[in-house]
């Protein structure tokens, strides 16, 4: 039986002082990013004006935002982590060009600024990824290109980072979950023009109002509400929060490229889900078969985590760490059909 993750308390390590109410709001938004301030206020026992004021403070102080995420499988898409090593003076310009593409997300500079890592989405049956890799491989300033297809996500996506905060009571969490649609994932969802307009607006602002979504889609607000509920219920759409981790005291953020014995892959990945430091973990193809994103307070914390928690896992044969220096782009865009 998996033990519950131990949350890293931001109040203990953060540079920006967050009180209990603000931590509760962060926790609640991880569960339901679009919950109304009035409903959240009732659950937390404060006024909606208080929730709105603290929400704005979280936005200004730690760069918090609610973001929409799209699961690739129901859209018949595959996700690839693409890793590029470049000449030192070329990384920023190449990363900026990748960030402008509609099929990329999480475009980041790592390893001292000489490496780019990004996520590329492609239709399940498509050769455009190979075309992109071919172009990149033939760019003189690109030293090497590798692609790792995501096979299974263990942490990340709808499974929120356990290390953010754990401030809500069981009763409060039950009330939050009661307001969510029951998810019954489907194999495939076909999106129309109105869906794409709504999703693009949500990818820019996960808390876009129904009025705004009605304007961009041309639908009535009730139609927008029903369609949002349907997209969430069938597993295509979910919401998460982003923060500037440096502003809350986490200065060591690294990608871990792990080589794990296949027979131990699931056990190691499940162990990572219990680590408060891990915000993302997925099985991939390639010479390393498990990719994780670790968020630590500082270099000492990272050292202790690597030599302790990671070093103690049976089955890991090789670990490569790639410090994340800058994230240039987070969300994808919906492309027109």
C-alpha atoms as a PDB file:
ATOM      1  CA  UNK A   1       0.000   0.000   0.000  1.00  0.00           C
ATOM      2  CA  UNK A   2       1.409   3.398  -1.009  1.00  0.00           C
ATOM      3  CA  UNK A   3       1.964   5.761   1.889  1.00  0.00           C
ATOM      4  CA  UNK A   4       0.677   9.345   1.470  1.00  0.00           C
ATOM      5  CA  UNK A   5       3.247  11.849   0.171  1.00  0.00           C
ATOM      6  CA  UNK A   6       4.868  14.160   2.685  1.00  0.00           C
ATOM      7  CA  UNK A   7       4.238  17.749   1.635  1.00  0.00           C
ATOM      8  CA  UNK A   8       7.017  20.328   1.670  1.00  0.00           C
ATOM      9  CA  UNK A   9       5.634  23.183   3.757  1.00  0.00           C
ATOM     10  CA  UNK A  10       6.106  26.425   1.869  1.00  0.00           C
ATOM     11  CA  UNK A  11       5.804  28.412   5.085  1.00  0.00           C
ATOM     12  CA  UNK A  12       8.973  26.723   6.316  1.00  0.00           C
ATOM     13  CA  UNK A  13      11.117  27.244   3.232  1.00  0.00           C
ATOM     14  CA  UNK A  14       9.592  30.068   1.214  1.00  0.00           C
ATOM     15  CA  UNK A  15      11.111  33.435   0.526  1.00  0.00           C
ATOM     16  CA  UNK A  16       7.590  34.826   0.189  1.00  0.00           C
ATOM     17  CA  UNK A  17       5.683  34.389   3.457  1.00  0.00           C
ATOM     18  CA  UNK A  18       2.427  32.547   2.837  1.00  0.00           C
ATOM     19  CA  UNK A  19      -0.073  32.134   5.635  1.00  0.00           C
ATOM     20  CA  UNK A  20      -2.350  29.157   6.251  1.00  0.00           C
ATOM     21  CA  UNK A  21      -5.257  30.626   4.269  1.00  0.00           C
ATOM     22  CA  UNK A  22      -3.091  31.248   1.205  1.00  0.00           C
ATOM     23  CA  UNK A  23      -1.753  27.720   1.384  1.00  0.00           C
ATOM     24  CA  UNK A  24      -5.316  26.440   1.619  1.00  0.00           C
ATOM     25  CA  UNK A  25      -6.241  28.423  -1.485  1.00  0.00           C
ATOM     26  CA  UNK A  26      -3.265  26.968  -3.355  1.00  0.00           C
ATOM     27  CA  UNK A  27      -4.280  23.461  -2.309  1.00  0.00           C
ATOM     28  CA  UNK A  28      -7.921  24.071  -3.320  1.00  0.00           C
ATOM     29  CA  UNK A  29      -6.927  25.400  -6.751  1.00  0.00           C
ATOM     30  CA  UNK A  30      -4.871  22.267  -7.344  1.00  0.00           C
ATOM     31  CA  UNK A  31      -8.096  20.297  -6.867  1.00  0.00           C
ATOM     32  CA  UNK A  32     -10.418  22.625  -8.808  1.00  0.00           C
ATOM     33  CA  UNK A  33      -8.780  25.515 -10.617  1.00  0.00           C
ATOM     34  CA  UNK A  34     -12.104  27.018 -11.697  1.00  0.00           C
ATOM     35  CA  UNK A  35     -13.925  26.933  -8.377  1.00  0.00           C
ATOM     36  CA  UNK A  36     -15.799  30.178  -7.725  1.00  0.00           C
ATOM     37  CA  UNK A  37     -14.492  32.498  -5.026  1.00  0.00           C
ATOM     38  CA  UNK A  38     -17.878  32.377  -3.292  1.00  0.00           C
ATOM     39  CA  UNK A  39     -17.935  28.574  -3.098  1.00  0.00           C
ATOM     40  CA  UNK A  40     -14.292  28.409  -2.044  1.00  0.00           C
ATOM     41  CA  UNK A  41     -14.961  31.010   0.633  1.00  0.00           C
ATOM     42  CA  UNK A  42     -17.769  28.878   2.079  1.00  0.00           C
ATOM     43  CA  UNK A  43     -15.506  25.820   2.201  1.00  0.00           C
ATOM     44  CA  UNK A  44     -12.694  27.768   3.870  1.00  0.00           C
ATOM     45  CA  UNK A  45     -14.978  29.753   6.192  1.00  0.00           C
ATOM     46  CA  UNK A  46     -14.094  33.222   4.823  1.00  0.00           C
ATOM     47  CA  UNK A  47     -15.772  35.751   2.530  1.00  0.00           C
ATOM     48  CA  UNK A  48     -15.447  35.622  -1.240  1.00  0.00           C
ATOM     49  CA  UNK A  49     -13.840  39.091  -1.087  1.00  0.00           C
ATOM     50  CA  UNK A  50     -11.122  37.669   1.178  1.00  0.00           C
ATOM     51  CA  UNK A  51     -10.515  34.780  -1.230  1.00  0.00           C
ATOM     52  CA  UNK A  52     -10.331  37.185  -4.187  1.00  0.00           C
ATOM     53  CA  UNK A  53      -7.878  39.462  -2.340  1.00  0.00           C
ATOM     54  CA  UNK A  54      -5.598  36.568  -1.361  1.00  0.00           C
ATOM     55  CA  UNK A  55      -5.846  35.132  -4.890  1.00  0.00           C
ATOM     56  CA  UNK A  56      -4.575  38.432  -6.311  1.00  0.00           C
ATOM     57  CA  UNK A  57      -1.747  38.450  -3.767  1.00  0.00           C
ATOM     58  CA  UNK A  58      -0.723  34.936  -4.851  1.00  0.00           C
ATOM     59  CA  UNK A  59      -0.693  36.150  -8.443  1.00  0.00           C
ATOM     60  CA  UNK A  60       1.513  39.147  -7.684  1.00  0.00           C
ATOM     61  CA  UNK A  61       3.802  37.639  -5.034  1.00  0.00           C
ATOM     62  CA  UNK A  62       4.577  34.166  -6.409  1.00  0.00           C
ATOM     63  CA  UNK A  63       3.439  34.406 -10.023  1.00  0.00           C
ATOM     64  CA  UNK A  64       0.579  31.958  -9.435  1.00  0.00           C
ATOM     65  CA  UNK A  65      -1.823  31.296 -12.297  1.00  0.00           C
ATOM     66  CA  UNK A  66      -4.483  28.725 -13.066  1.00  0.00           C
ATOM     67  CA  UNK A  67      -3.724  26.932 -16.318  1.00  0.00           C
ATOM     68  CA  UNK A  68      -5.714  24.578 -18.515  1.00  0.00           C
ATOM     69  CA  UNK A  69      -4.125  21.289 -19.536  1.00  0.00           C
ATOM     70  CA  UNK A  70      -5.157  18.875 -22.283  1.00  0.00           C
ATOM     71  CA  UNK A  71      -4.600  15.127 -22.117  1.00  0.00           C
ATOM     72  CA  UNK A  72      -3.159  13.911 -25.419  1.00  0.00           C
ATOM     73  CA  UNK A  73      -4.647  10.414 -25.648  1.00  0.00           C
ATOM     74  CA  UNK A  74      -8.339  11.337 -26.183  1.00  0.00           C
ATOM     75  CA  UNK A  75      -7.215  13.824 -28.852  1.00  0.00           C
ATOM     76  CA  UNK A  76      -5.334  11.009 -30.613  1.00  0.00           C
ATOM     77  CA  UNK A  77      -2.028  12.709 -29.921  1.00  0.00           C
ATOM     78  CA  UNK A  78       1.342  11.489 -28.695  1.00  0.00           C
ATOM     79  CA  UNK A  79       3.770  13.469 -26.535  1.00  0.00           C
ATOM     80  CA  UNK A  80       7.544  13.444 -26.954  1.00  0.00           C
ATOM     81  CA  UNK A  81      10.260  14.976 -24.827  1.00  0.00           C
ATOM     82  CA  UNK A  82      12.765  16.337 -27.328  1.00  0.00           C
ATOM     83  CA  UNK A  83      16.262  17.012 -26.068  1.00  0.00           C
ATOM     84  CA  UNK A  84      18.676  19.214 -28.047  1.00  0.00           C
ATOM     85  CA  UNK A  85      22.275  19.994 -27.281  1.00  0.00           C
ATOM     86  CA  UNK A  86      23.463  23.163 -28.967  1.00  0.00           C
ATOM     87  CA  UNK A  87      26.403  25.497 -29.280  1.00  0.00           C
ATOM     88  CA  UNK A  88      26.357  27.841 -26.229  1.00  0.00           C
ATOM     89  CA  UNK A  89      25.550  30.973 -28.252  1.00  0.00           C
ATOM     90  CA  UNK A  90      22.679  29.329 -30.156  1.00  0.00           C
ATOM     91  CA  UNK A  91      20.498  27.836 -27.436  1.00  0.00           C
ATOM     92  CA  UNK A  92      18.355  30.900 -26.709  1.00  0.00           C
ATOM     93  CA  UNK A  93      17.529  31.651 -30.335  1.00  0.00           C
ATOM     94  CA  UNK A  94      16.692  28.021 -31.120  1.00  0.00           C
ATOM     95  CA  UNK A  95      14.593  27.736 -27.956  1.00  0.00           C
ATOM     96  CA  UNK A  96      12.713  30.913 -28.900  1.00  0.00           C
ATOM     97  CA  UNK A  97      11.981  29.476 -32.351  1.00  0.00           C
ATOM     98  CA  UNK A  98      10.671  26.262 -30.788  1.00  0.00           C
ATOM     99  CA  UNK A  99       8.503  28.257 -28.376  1.00  0.00           C
ATOM    100  CA  UNK A 100       6.776  29.925 -31.331  1.00  0.00           C
ATOM    101  CA  UNK A 101       5.594  26.563 -32.650  1.00  0.00           C
ATOM    102  CA  UNK A 102       1.994  25.608 -31.896  1.00  0.00           C
ATOM    103  CA  UNK A 103       2.884  21.966 -31.211  1.00  0.00           C
ATOM    104  CA  UNK A 104       5.427  22.612 -28.435  1.00  0.00           C
ATOM    105  CA  UNK A 105       5.125  23.141 -24.700  1.00  0.00           C
ATOM    106  CA  UNK A 106       7.453  23.324 -21.691  1.00  0.00           C
ATOM    107  CA  UNK A 107      10.297  24.777 -23.781  1.00  0.00           C
ATOM    108  CA  UNK A 108      13.198  25.071 -21.329  1.00  0.00           C
ATOM    109  CA  UNK A 109      16.890  25.838 -21.202  1.00  0.00           C
ATOM    110  CA  UNK A 110      18.834  23.348 -19.085  1.00  0.00           C
ATOM    111  CA  UNK A 111      22.392  22.294 -18.244  1.00  0.00           C
ATOM    112  CA  UNK A 112      23.945  25.733 -18.064  1.00  0.00           C
ATOM    113  CA  UNK A 113      22.119  26.993 -21.137  1.00  0.00           C
ATOM    114  CA  UNK A 114      23.653  24.599 -23.672  1.00  0.00           C
ATOM    115  CA  UNK A 115      20.674  22.235 -23.815  1.00  0.00           C
ATOM    116  CA  UNK A 116      17.014  22.671 -24.749  1.00  0.00           C
ATOM    117  CA  UNK A 117      14.251  20.370 -23.594  1.00  0.00           C
ATOM    118  CA  UNK A 118      10.697  20.670 -24.882  1.00  0.00           C
ATOM    119  CA  UNK A 119       7.525  18.637 -25.261  1.00  0.00           C
ATOM    120  CA  UNK A 120       6.253  18.104 -28.797  1.00  0.00           C
ATOM    121  CA  UNK A 121       2.744  16.861 -29.530  1.00  0.00           C
ATOM    122  CA  UNK A 122       1.925  15.033 -32.737  1.00  0.00           C
ATOM    123  CA  UNK A 123      -1.006  13.019 -34.045  1.00  0.00           C
ATOM    124  CA  UNK A 124      -0.547   9.368 -33.101  1.00  0.00           C
ATOM    125  CA  UNK A 125      -0.034   8.438 -36.770  1.00  0.00           C
ATOM    126  CA  UNK A 126       2.045  11.215 -38.256  1.00  0.00           C
ATOM    127  CA  UNK A 127       5.559  11.856 -39.537  1.00  0.00           C
ATOM    128  CA  UNK A 128       5.785  15.581 -38.739  1.00  0.00           C
ATOM    129  CA  UNK A 129       7.805  14.843 -35.605  1.00  0.00           C
ATOM    130  CA  UNK A 130      10.414  13.148 -37.769  1.00  0.00           C
ATOM    131  CA  UNK A 131      10.363  16.170 -40.087  1.00  0.00           C
ATOM    132  CA  UNK A 132      10.963  18.494 -37.137  1.00  0.00           C
ATOM    133  CA  UNK A 133      13.778  16.294 -35.829  1.00  0.00           C
ATOM    134  CA  UNK A 134      15.286  16.130 -39.305  1.00  0.00           C
ATOM    135  CA  UNK A 135      15.301  19.935 -39.515  1.00  0.00           C
ATOM    136  CA  UNK A 136      16.808  20.268 -36.065  1.00  0.00           C
ATOM    137  CA  UNK A 137      19.444  17.641 -36.738  1.00  0.00           C
ATOM    138  CA  UNK A 138      20.495  19.550 -39.866  1.00  0.00           C
ATOM    139  CA  UNK A 139      20.798  22.865 -38.028  1.00  0.00           C
ATOM    140  CA  UNK A 140      24.561  23.577 -37.856  1.00  0.00           C
ATOM    141  CA  UNK A 141      24.410  24.882 -34.280  1.00  0.00           C
ATOM    142  CA  UNK A 142      22.577  21.783 -32.984  1.00  0.00           C
ATOM    143  CA  UNK A 143      25.064  19.206 -31.697  1.00  0.00           C
ATOM    144  CA  UNK A 144      22.581  16.360 -31.024  1.00  0.00           C
ATOM    145  CA  UNK A 145      18.850  15.625 -30.946  1.00  0.00           C
ATOM    146  CA  UNK A 146      17.041  12.807 -29.135  1.00  0.00           C
ATOM    147  CA  UNK A 147      13.315  12.156 -28.723  1.00  0.00           C
ATOM    148  CA  UNK A 148      11.672  10.244 -25.881  1.00  0.00           C
ATOM    149  CA  UNK A 149       8.023   9.249 -26.303  1.00  0.00           C
ATOM    150  CA  UNK A 150       5.952   9.468 -23.102  1.00  0.00           C
ATOM    151  CA  UNK A 151       4.474   6.051 -22.426  1.00  0.00           C
ATOM    152  CA  UNK A 152       2.847   6.566 -19.036  1.00  0.00           C
ATOM    153  CA  UNK A 153       2.642   9.520 -16.638  1.00  0.00           C
ATOM    154  CA  UNK A 154       2.804   8.740 -12.907  1.00  0.00           C
ATOM    155  CA  UNK A 155       2.972  12.277 -11.480  1.00  0.00           C
ATOM    156  CA  UNK A 156       1.928  15.397 -13.355  1.00  0.00           C
ATOM    157  CA  UNK A 157      -1.076  15.900 -15.546  1.00  0.00           C
ATOM    158  CA  UNK A 158      -4.252  15.394 -13.493  1.00  0.00           C
ATOM    159  CA  UNK A 159      -2.124  13.992 -10.635  1.00  0.00           C
ATOM    160  CA  UNK A 160      -0.977  17.181  -8.892  1.00  0.00           C
ATOM    161  CA  UNK A 161       2.459  17.721  -7.352  1.00  0.00           C
ATOM    162  CA  UNK A 162       2.211  16.442  -3.758  1.00  0.00           C
ATOM    163  CA  UNK A 163       4.950  18.761  -2.522  1.00  0.00           C
ATOM    164  CA  UNK A 164       3.122  22.029  -3.187  1.00  0.00           C
ATOM    165  CA  UNK A 165       1.011  22.071  -0.035  1.00  0.00           C
ATOM    166  CA  UNK A 166      -1.290  19.861   2.012  1.00  0.00           C
ATOM    167  CA  UNK A 167      -3.306  22.314   4.060  1.00  0.00           C
ATOM    168  CA  UNK A 168      -6.917  21.213   3.584  1.00  0.00           C
ATOM    169  CA  UNK A 169      -8.796  18.848   5.867  1.00  0.00           C
ATOM    170  CA  UNK A 170     -10.379  15.640   4.579  1.00  0.00           C
ATOM    171  CA  UNK A 171     -13.810  17.248   4.935  1.00  0.00           C
ATOM    172  CA  UNK A 172     -12.746  20.280   2.889  1.00  0.00           C
ATOM    173  CA  UNK A 173     -11.274  18.058   0.176  1.00  0.00           C
ATOM    174  CA  UNK A 174     -14.485  16.034   0.030  1.00  0.00           C
ATOM    175  CA  UNK A 175     -16.488  19.242  -0.477  1.00  0.00           C
ATOM    176  CA  UNK A 176     -14.143  20.324  -3.274  1.00  0.00           C
ATOM    177  CA  UNK A 177     -14.316  16.972  -5.045  1.00  0.00           C
ATOM    178  CA  UNK A 178     -18.104  16.962  -4.755  1.00  0.00           C
ATOM    179  CA  UNK A 179     -18.206  19.950  -7.114  1.00  0.00           C
ATOM    180  CA  UNK A 180     -16.174  18.253  -9.833  1.00  0.00           C
ATOM    181  CA  UNK A 181     -17.635  16.230 -12.706  1.00  0.00           C
ATOM    182  CA  UNK A 182     -17.071  12.506 -12.460  1.00  0.00           C
ATOM    183  CA  UNK A 183     -14.355  11.621 -14.958  1.00  0.00           C
ATOM    184  CA  UNK A 184     -15.013   8.752 -17.333  1.00  0.00           C
ATOM    185  CA  UNK A 185     -12.173   8.848 -19.857  1.00  0.00           C
ATOM    186  CA  UNK A 186     -13.038   8.075 -23.462  1.00  0.00           C
ATOM    187  CA  UNK A 187     -10.802   6.770 -26.219  1.00  0.00           C
ATOM    188  CA  UNK A 188     -11.349   9.665 -28.599  1.00  0.00           C
ATOM    189  CA  UNK A 189     -12.919  13.127 -28.597  1.00  0.00           C
ATOM    190  CA  UNK A 190     -13.563  15.109 -31.776  1.00  0.00           C
ATOM    191  CA  UNK A 191     -13.244  18.861 -31.251  1.00  0.00           C
ATOM    192  CA  UNK A 192     -15.205  21.423 -33.197  1.00  0.00           C
ATOM    193  CA  UNK A 193     -14.331  25.021 -34.010  1.00  0.00           C
ATOM    194  CA  UNK A 194     -16.114  26.291 -30.893  1.00  0.00           C
ATOM    195  CA  UNK A 195     -14.256  23.784 -28.697  1.00  0.00           C
ATOM    196  CA  UNK A 196     -10.925  24.954 -30.038  1.00  0.00           C
ATOM    197  CA  UNK A 197     -11.789  28.602 -29.454  1.00  0.00           C
ATOM    198  CA  UNK A 198     -12.751  27.824 -25.842  1.00  0.00           C
ATOM    199  CA  UNK A 199      -9.641  25.741 -25.221  1.00  0.00           C
ATOM    200  CA  UNK A 200      -7.314  28.385 -26.671  1.00  0.00           C
ATOM    201  CA  UNK A 201      -8.840  30.985 -24.337  1.00  0.00           C
ATOM    202  CA  UNK A 202      -8.434  28.625 -21.369  1.00  0.00           C
ATOM    203  CA  UNK A 203      -4.832  27.875 -22.326  1.00  0.00           C
ATOM    204  CA  UNK A 204      -4.187  31.611 -21.988  1.00  0.00           C
ATOM    205  CA  UNK A 205      -6.175  31.954 -18.729  1.00  0.00           C
ATOM    206  CA  UNK A 206      -7.595  28.902 -16.990  1.00  0.00           C
ATOM    207  CA  UNK A 207     -10.116  31.058 -15.133  1.00  0.00           C
ATOM    208  CA  UNK A 208     -11.512  32.829 -18.206  1.00  0.00           C
ATOM    209  CA  UNK A 209     -15.110  33.776 -17.491  1.00  0.00           C
ATOM    210  CA  UNK A 210     -18.062  32.084 -19.139  1.00  0.00           C
ATOM    211  CA  UNK A 211     -18.833  35.434 -20.753  1.00  0.00           C
ATOM    212  CA  UNK A 212     -15.356  35.561 -22.327  1.00  0.00           C
ATOM    213  CA  UNK A 213     -15.614  31.942 -23.491  1.00  0.00           C
ATOM    214  CA  UNK A 214     -19.041  32.640 -24.981  1.00  0.00           C
ATOM    215  CA  UNK A 215     -17.607  35.601 -26.885  1.00  0.00           C
ATOM    216  CA  UNK A 216     -14.737  33.632 -28.461  1.00  0.00           C
ATOM    217  CA  UNK A 217     -16.864  30.588 -29.300  1.00  0.00           C
ATOM    218  CA  UNK A 218     -20.060  32.289 -30.405  1.00  0.00           C
ATOM    219  CA  UNK A 219     -22.038  30.038 -28.064  1.00  0.00           C
ATOM    220  CA  UNK A 220     -24.448  30.911 -25.270  1.00  0.00           C
ATOM    221  CA  UNK A 221     -22.999  30.806 -21.746  1.00  0.00           C
ATOM    222  CA  UNK A 222     -25.130  27.787 -20.825  1.00  0.00           C
ATOM    223  CA  UNK A 223     -23.785  25.946 -23.874  1.00  0.00           C
ATOM    224  CA  UNK A 224     -20.225  26.835 -22.867  1.00  0.00           C
ATOM    225  CA  UNK A 225     -20.875  25.594 -19.319  1.00  0.00           C
ATOM    226  CA  UNK A 226     -22.231  22.260 -20.551  1.00  0.00           C
ATOM    227  CA  UNK A 227     -19.358  21.800 -23.005  1.00  0.00           C
ATOM    228  CA  UNK A 228     -16.757  22.543 -20.337  1.00  0.00           C
ATOM    229  CA  UNK A 229     -18.358  19.987 -18.044  1.00  0.00           C
ATOM    230  CA  UNK A 230     -18.329  17.428 -20.857  1.00  0.00           C
ATOM    231  CA  UNK A 231     -14.667  18.043 -21.747  1.00  0.00           C
ATOM    232  CA  UNK A 232     -13.670  17.676 -18.089  1.00  0.00           C
ATOM    233  CA  UNK A 233     -15.854  14.605 -17.622  1.00  0.00           C
ATOM    234  CA  UNK A 234     -14.413  12.731 -20.601  1.00  0.00           C
ATOM    235  CA  UNK A 235     -10.852  13.346 -19.462  1.00  0.00           C
ATOM    236  CA  UNK A 236      -9.666  15.769 -22.139  1.00  0.00           C
ATOM    237  CA  UNK A 237      -9.502  18.934 -20.026  1.00  0.00           C
ATOM    238  CA  UNK A 238      -8.177  19.514 -16.520  1.00  0.00           C
ATOM    239  CA  UNK A 239      -6.757  22.450 -14.598  1.00  0.00           C
ATOM    240  CA  UNK A 240      -3.558  22.994 -12.664  1.00  0.00           C
ATOM    241  CA  UNK A 241      -1.665  25.876 -11.098  1.00  0.00           C
ATOM    242  CA  UNK A 242       1.711  27.309 -12.006  1.00  0.00           C
ATOM    243  CA  UNK A 243       3.890  29.323  -9.647  1.00  0.00           C
ATOM    244  CA  UNK A 244       7.357  30.821  -9.808  1.00  0.00           C
ATOM    245  CA  UNK A 245       9.077  28.241  -7.618  1.00  0.00           C
ATOM    246  CA  UNK A 246      12.065  30.529  -7.057  1.00  0.00           C
ATOM    247  CA  UNK A 247       9.776  32.999  -5.278  1.00  0.00           C
ATOM    248  CA  UNK A 248       8.687  30.345  -2.792  1.00  0.00           C
ATOM    249  CA  UNK A 249      12.187  29.179  -1.980  1.00  0.00           C
ATOM    250  CA  UNK A 250      12.862  26.352  -4.455  1.00  0.00           C
ATOM    251  CA  UNK A 251      16.065  27.316  -6.254  1.00  0.00           C
ATOM    252  CA  UNK A 252      17.207  23.869  -7.429  1.00  0.00           C
ATOM    253  CA  UNK A 253      14.937  22.578 -10.189  1.00  0.00           C
ATOM    254  CA  UNK A 254      16.318  19.692 -12.224  1.00  0.00           C
ATOM    255  CA  UNK A 255      15.318  17.119 -14.786  1.00  0.00           C
ATOM    256  CA  UNK A 256      16.340  13.601 -13.824  1.00  0.00           C
ATOM    257  CA  UNK A 257      16.990  11.236 -16.720  1.00  0.00           C
ATOM    258  CA  UNK A 258      16.863   7.812 -15.069  1.00  0.00           C
ATOM    259  CA  UNK A 259      17.891   4.449 -16.478  1.00  0.00           C
ATOM    260  CA  UNK A 260      15.882   1.783 -14.627  1.00  0.00           C
ATOM    261  CA  UNK A 261      15.808  -1.982 -15.035  1.00  0.00           C
ATOM    262  CA  UNK A 262      12.544  -2.732 -16.912  1.00  0.00           C
ATOM    263  CA  UNK A 263      11.326  -5.167 -14.264  1.00  0.00           C
ATOM    264  CA  UNK A 264      11.694  -2.437 -11.621  1.00  0.00           C
ATOM    265  CA  UNK A 265      10.353   0.490 -13.657  1.00  0.00           C
ATOM    266  CA  UNK A 266       6.843   0.587 -12.185  1.00  0.00           C
ATOM    267  CA  UNK A 267       8.076   0.132  -8.619  1.00  0.00           C
ATOM    268  CA  UNK A 268      10.616   2.944  -8.966  1.00  0.00           C
ATOM    269  CA  UNK A 269       8.069   5.250 -10.608  1.00  0.00           C
ATOM    270  CA  UNK A 270       5.517   4.559  -7.874  1.00  0.00           C
ATOM    271  CA  UNK A 271       8.178   5.314  -5.279  1.00  0.00           C
ATOM    272  CA  UNK A 272       8.749   8.692  -6.952  1.00  0.00           C
ATOM    273  CA  UNK A 273       5.051   9.508  -6.550  1.00  0.00           C
ATOM    274  CA  UNK A 274       5.641   9.474  -2.784  1.00  0.00           C
ATOM    275  CA  UNK A 275       8.558  11.923  -2.959  1.00  0.00           C
ATOM    276  CA  UNK A 276       7.561  15.500  -2.159  1.00  0.00           C
ATOM    277  CA  UNK A 277      10.360  16.715  -4.450  1.00  0.00           C
ATOM    278  CA  UNK A 278       8.898  15.151  -7.618  1.00  0.00           C
ATOM    279  CA  UNK A 279       6.358  17.220  -9.574  1.00  0.00           C
ATOM    280  CA  UNK A 280       6.479  15.096 -12.749  1.00  0.00           C
ATOM    281  CA  UNK A 281       7.448  11.523 -13.501  1.00  0.00           C
ATOM    282  CA  UNK A 282       6.839   9.524 -16.679  1.00  0.00           C
ATOM    283  CA  UNK A 283       8.026   6.358 -18.363  1.00  0.00           C
ATOM    284  CA  UNK A 284       9.552   7.069 -21.769  1.00  0.00           C
ATOM    285  CA  UNK A 285      11.273   5.425 -24.668  1.00  0.00           C
ATOM    286  CA  UNK A 286      14.990   5.923 -25.189  1.00  0.00           C
ATOM    287  CA  UNK A 287      18.273   5.117 -23.512  1.00  0.00           C
ATOM    288  CA  UNK A 288      16.815   6.471 -20.256  1.00  0.00           C
ATOM    289  CA  UNK A 289      13.350   5.110 -19.567  1.00  0.00           C
ATOM    290  CA  UNK A 290      12.107   7.238 -16.660  1.00  0.00           C
ATOM    291  CA  UNK A 291      12.035  11.034 -16.660  1.00  0.00           C
ATOM    292  CA  UNK A 292      11.338  13.086 -13.540  1.00  0.00           C
ATOM    293  CA  UNK A 293      11.285  16.771 -12.590  1.00  0.00           C
ATOM    294  CA  UNK A 294      12.606  17.427  -9.087  1.00  0.00           C
ATOM    295  CA  UNK A 295      12.041  20.676  -7.183  1.00  0.00           C
ATOM    296  CA  UNK A 296      14.406  21.267  -4.261  1.00  0.00           C
ATOM    297  CA  UNK A 297      15.151  24.187  -1.981  1.00  0.00           C
ATOM    298  CA  UNK A 298      18.835  24.474  -2.850  1.00  0.00           C
ATOM    299  CA  UNK A 299      21.882  22.492  -3.952  1.00  0.00           C
ATOM    300  CA  UNK A 300      22.295  20.875  -0.540  1.00  0.00           C
ATOM    301  CA  UNK A 301      18.681  19.711  -0.550  1.00  0.00           C
ATOM    302  CA  UNK A 302      19.184  18.322  -4.081  1.00  0.00           C
ATOM    303  CA  UNK A 303      22.367  16.517  -3.012  1.00  0.00           C
ATOM    304  CA  UNK A 304      20.625  14.968  -0.028  1.00  0.00           C
ATOM    305  CA  UNK A 305      17.672  13.948  -2.184  1.00  0.00           C
ATOM    306  CA  UNK A 306      19.853  12.335  -4.861  1.00  0.00           C
ATOM    307  CA  UNK A 307      22.078  10.475  -2.417  1.00  0.00           C
ATOM    308  CA  UNK A 308      19.257   9.567  -0.062  1.00  0.00           C
ATOM    309  CA  UNK A 309      15.849   9.017  -1.672  1.00  0.00           C
ATOM    310  CA  UNK A 310      17.057   8.376  -5.234  1.00  0.00           C
ATOM    311  CA  UNK A 311      20.177   6.485  -4.156  1.00  0.00           C
ATOM    312  CA  UNK A 312      18.060   4.204  -2.003  1.00  0.00           C
ATOM    313  CA  UNK A 313      15.830   3.002  -4.851  1.00  0.00           C
ATOM    314  CA  UNK A 314      16.588  -0.487  -6.119  1.00  0.00           C
ATOM    315  CA  UNK A 315      16.776  -0.833  -9.882  1.00  0.00           C
ATOM    316  CA  UNK A 316      18.265   2.515 -10.944  1.00  0.00           C
ATOM    317  CA  UNK A 317      21.430   1.975 -12.963  1.00  0.00           C
ATOM    318  CA  UNK A 318      22.177   5.531 -14.070  1.00  0.00           C
ATOM    319  CA  UNK A 319      21.040   9.053 -13.153  1.00  0.00           C
ATOM    320  CA  UNK A 320      21.715  12.198 -15.170  1.00  0.00           C
ATOM    321  CA  UNK A 321      20.740  15.560 -13.709  1.00  0.00           C
ATOM    322  CA  UNK A 322      19.988  18.567 -15.926  1.00  0.00           C
ATOM    323  CA  UNK A 323      19.366  21.814 -14.004  1.00  0.00           C
ATOM    324  CA  UNK A 324      16.521  23.892 -15.453  1.00  0.00           C
ATOM    325  CA  UNK A 325      17.788  27.421 -16.032  1.00  0.00           C
ATOM    326  CA  UNK A 326      14.781  29.046 -17.714  1.00  0.00           C
ATOM    327  CA  UNK A 327      11.311  28.055 -18.924  1.00  0.00           C
ATOM    328  CA  UNK A 328      10.371  29.943 -22.080  1.00  0.00           C
ATOM    329  CA  UNK A 329       6.955  28.425 -22.748  1.00  0.00           C
ATOM    330  CA  UNK A 330       4.473  26.316 -20.815  1.00  0.00           C
ATOM    331  CA  UNK A 331       1.234  25.635 -22.697  1.00  0.00           C
ATOM    332  CA  UNK A 332       0.509  24.427 -26.210  1.00  0.00           C
ATOM    333  CA  UNK A 333      -2.005  26.071 -28.530  1.00  0.00           C
ATOM    334  CA  UNK A 334      -4.923  24.380 -30.236  1.00  0.00           C
ATOM    335  CA  UNK A 335      -4.271  24.244 -33.974  1.00  0.00           C
ATOM    336  CA  UNK A 336      -7.191  24.653 -36.409  1.00  0.00           C
ATOM    337  CA  UNK A 337      -8.365  21.557 -38.227  1.00  0.00           C
END
